[in-house]
Each structure stands twice: as C-alpha cells, then as structure tokens.
C-alpha cells in the first residue's frame, strides 16, 4: 500500500486510512447482515448511500474540522491540561 501513498501529502494519508477503514467496516457489516438475514441483499441503494455519506462526512472532518483544530492547537492545549 505504500506505493499508492508515496507521493501523497502527509496530511492526506490519515484521511485515506480512515476512508479505507470505514469502507472495510461498512462492507463487512453489510456482508454479515446479508448472511444473517436471507431477505436482505448485500448490494442495496441504502448501503451505497450510507457509505457515500459517511465517506463525505469523513472528508469534511479531515479537510475542515481537523484543519481548524490543528491550526488553533486545540488538541495540544487539551492534552496538556489532562496530563
């Protein structure tokens, strides 16, 4: 997988990892639901829509929220108060 991420900016790598993790969880969950319930099919429009919306939400988080938090050093200030 390193060869795919070689030329990608370091800020984008965690986002890609999160998206791959989300897609894996969604696919395995949908597979288990379809195996457990004979009436549920594996590939449905709801599955595609929910997965797409979750991926878009993750991208918004990494490109908007995380950049704002990182820019204002909120994470570092918060961890210093705890520890």
C-alpha atoms as a PDB file:
ATOM      1  CA  UNK A   1       0.000   0.000   0.000  1.00  0.00           C
ATOM      2  CA  UNK A   2       2.985   2.302   0.478  1.00  0.00           C
ATOM      3  CA  UNK A   3       3.450   2.644  -3.241  1.00  0.00           C
ATOM      4  CA  UNK A   4      -0.017   4.212  -3.523  1.00  0.00           C
ATOM      5  CA  UNK A   5       0.635   6.725  -0.750  1.00  0.00           C
ATOM      6  CA  UNK A   6       4.192   7.572  -1.734  1.00  0.00           C
ATOM      7  CA  UNK A   7       3.514  10.916  -3.452  1.00  0.00           C
ATOM      8  CA  UNK A   8       0.548  11.925  -1.290  1.00  0.00           C
ATOM      9  CA  UNK A   9       0.851  14.758   1.195  1.00  0.00           C
ATOM     10  CA  UNK A  10       1.257  13.674   4.824  1.00  0.00           C
ATOM     11  CA  UNK A  11      -1.953  15.461   5.819  1.00  0.00           C
ATOM     12  CA  UNK A  12      -3.991  13.370   3.370  1.00  0.00           C
ATOM     13  CA  UNK A  13      -2.659   9.950   4.445  1.00  0.00           C
ATOM     14  CA  UNK A  14      -4.719   9.739   7.675  1.00  0.00           C
ATOM     15  CA  UNK A  15      -7.848  10.679   5.759  1.00  0.00           C
ATOM     16  CA  UNK A  16      -7.256   7.926   3.212  1.00  0.00           C
ATOM     17  CA  UNK A  17      -6.593   5.447   6.004  1.00  0.00           C
ATOM     18  CA  UNK A  18      -9.853   6.448   7.730  1.00  0.00           C
ATOM     19  CA  UNK A  19     -11.800   6.098   4.484  1.00  0.00           C
ATOM     20  CA  UNK A  20     -10.360   2.633   3.858  1.00  0.00           C
ATOM     21  CA  UNK A  21     -11.151   1.645   7.434  1.00  0.00           C
ATOM     22  CA  UNK A  22     -14.715   2.911   7.086  1.00  0.00           C
ATOM     23  CA  UNK A  23     -15.241   1.096   3.776  1.00  0.00           C
ATOM     24  CA  UNK A  24     -13.937  -2.115   5.318  1.00  0.00           C
ATOM     25  CA  UNK A  25     -16.255  -1.840   8.314  1.00  0.00           C
ATOM     26  CA  UNK A  26     -19.256  -0.990   6.146  1.00  0.00           C
ATOM     27  CA  UNK A  27     -18.599  -3.869   3.756  1.00  0.00           C
ATOM     28  CA  UNK A  28     -18.062  -6.458   6.485  1.00  0.00           C
ATOM     29  CA  UNK A  29     -21.126  -5.264   8.384  1.00  0.00           C
ATOM     30  CA  UNK A  30     -23.288  -5.385   5.256  1.00  0.00           C
ATOM     31  CA  UNK A  31     -21.956  -8.834   4.413  1.00  0.00           C
ATOM     32  CA  UNK A  32     -22.785 -10.140   7.893  1.00  0.00           C
ATOM     33  CA  UNK A  33     -26.274  -8.610   7.763  1.00  0.00           C
ATOM     34  CA  UNK A  34     -26.985 -10.152   4.360  1.00  0.00           C
ATOM     35  CA  UNK A  35     -25.687 -13.556   5.509  1.00  0.00           C
ATOM     36  CA  UNK A  36     -27.708 -13.403   8.724  1.00  0.00           C
ATOM     37  CA  UNK A  37     -30.942 -12.300   7.049  1.00  0.00           C
ATOM     38  CA  UNK A  38     -31.932 -14.132   3.877  1.00  0.00           C
ATOM     39  CA  UNK A  39     -34.319 -11.315   2.868  1.00  0.00           C
ATOM     40  CA  UNK A  40     -31.586  -8.658   2.925  1.00  0.00           C
ATOM     41  CA  UNK A  41     -29.419  -8.427  -0.159  1.00  0.00           C
ATOM     42  CA  UNK A  42     -25.758  -7.451   0.001  1.00  0.00           C
ATOM     43  CA  UNK A  43     -25.779  -4.610  -2.508  1.00  0.00           C
ATOM     44  CA  UNK A  44     -28.622  -2.142  -1.906  1.00  0.00           C
ATOM     45  CA  UNK A  45     -29.032   1.539  -2.656  1.00  0.00           C
ATOM     46  CA  UNK A  46     -29.275   2.286   1.068  1.00  0.00           C
ATOM     47  CA  UNK A  47     -25.889   0.665   1.590  1.00  0.00           C
ATOM     48  CA  UNK A  48     -24.349   2.724  -1.199  1.00  0.00           C
ATOM     49  CA  UNK A  49     -25.934   5.966   0.028  1.00  0.00           C
ATOM     50  CA  UNK A  50     -24.966   5.476   3.664  1.00  0.00           C
ATOM     51  CA  UNK A  51     -21.412   4.555   2.697  1.00  0.00           C
ATOM     52  CA  UNK A  52     -21.127   7.565   0.404  1.00  0.00           C
ATOM     53  CA  UNK A  53     -22.484   9.917   3.068  1.00  0.00           C
ATOM     54  CA  UNK A  54     -20.094   8.527   5.668  1.00  0.00           C
ATOM     55  CA  UNK A  55     -17.124   8.943   3.331  1.00  0.00           C
ATOM     56  CA  UNK A  56     -18.158  12.520   2.564  1.00  0.00           C
ATOM     57  CA  UNK A  57     -18.530  13.202   6.296  1.00  0.00           C
ATOM     58  CA  UNK A  58     -15.045  11.880   6.941  1.00  0.00           C
ATOM     59  CA  UNK A  59     -13.629  14.062   4.197  1.00  0.00           C
ATOM     60  CA  UNK A  60     -15.348  17.136   5.647  1.00  0.00           C
ATOM     61  CA  UNK A  61     -13.944  16.296   9.050  1.00  0.00           C
ATOM     62  CA  UNK A  62     -10.357  15.929   7.801  1.00  0.00           C
ATOM     63  CA  UNK A  63     -10.441  18.911   5.451  1.00  0.00           C
ATOM     64  CA  UNK A  64     -12.375  21.383   7.623  1.00  0.00           C
ATOM     65  CA  UNK A  65     -12.679  20.420  11.276  1.00  0.00           C
ATOM     66  CA  UNK A  66      -9.257  18.852  11.746  1.00  0.00           C
ATOM     67  CA  UNK A  67      -7.505  21.732   9.965  1.00  0.00           C
ATOM     68  CA  UNK A  68      -9.290  24.226  12.211  1.00  0.00           C
ATOM     69  CA  UNK A  69      -8.397  22.263  15.341  1.00  0.00           C
ATOM     70  CA  UNK A  70      -4.822  21.782  14.216  1.00  0.00           C
ATOM     71  CA  UNK A  71      -4.435  25.439  13.263  1.00  0.00           C
ATOM     72  CA  UNK A  72      -5.575  26.584  16.682  1.00  0.00           C
ATOM     73  CA  UNK A  73      -3.553  23.929  18.547  1.00  0.00           C
ATOM     74  CA  UNK A  74      -6.669  22.874  20.421  1.00  0.00           C
ATOM     75  CA  UNK A  75      -5.523  19.253  20.594  1.00  0.00           C
ATOM     76  CA  UNK A  76      -2.169  20.133  22.141  1.00  0.00           C
ATOM     77  CA  UNK A  77      -3.741  22.507  24.669  1.00  0.00           C
ATOM     78  CA  UNK A  78      -6.320  19.899  25.629  1.00  0.00           C
ATOM     79  CA  UNK A  79      -3.784  17.094  26.096  1.00  0.00           C
ATOM     80  CA  UNK A  80      -1.502  19.332  28.159  1.00  0.00           C
ATOM     81  CA  UNK A  81      -4.331  20.061  30.604  1.00  0.00           C
ATOM     82  CA  UNK A  82      -5.147  16.380  31.018  1.00  0.00           C
ATOM     83  CA  UNK A  83      -1.618  15.102  31.502  1.00  0.00           C
END
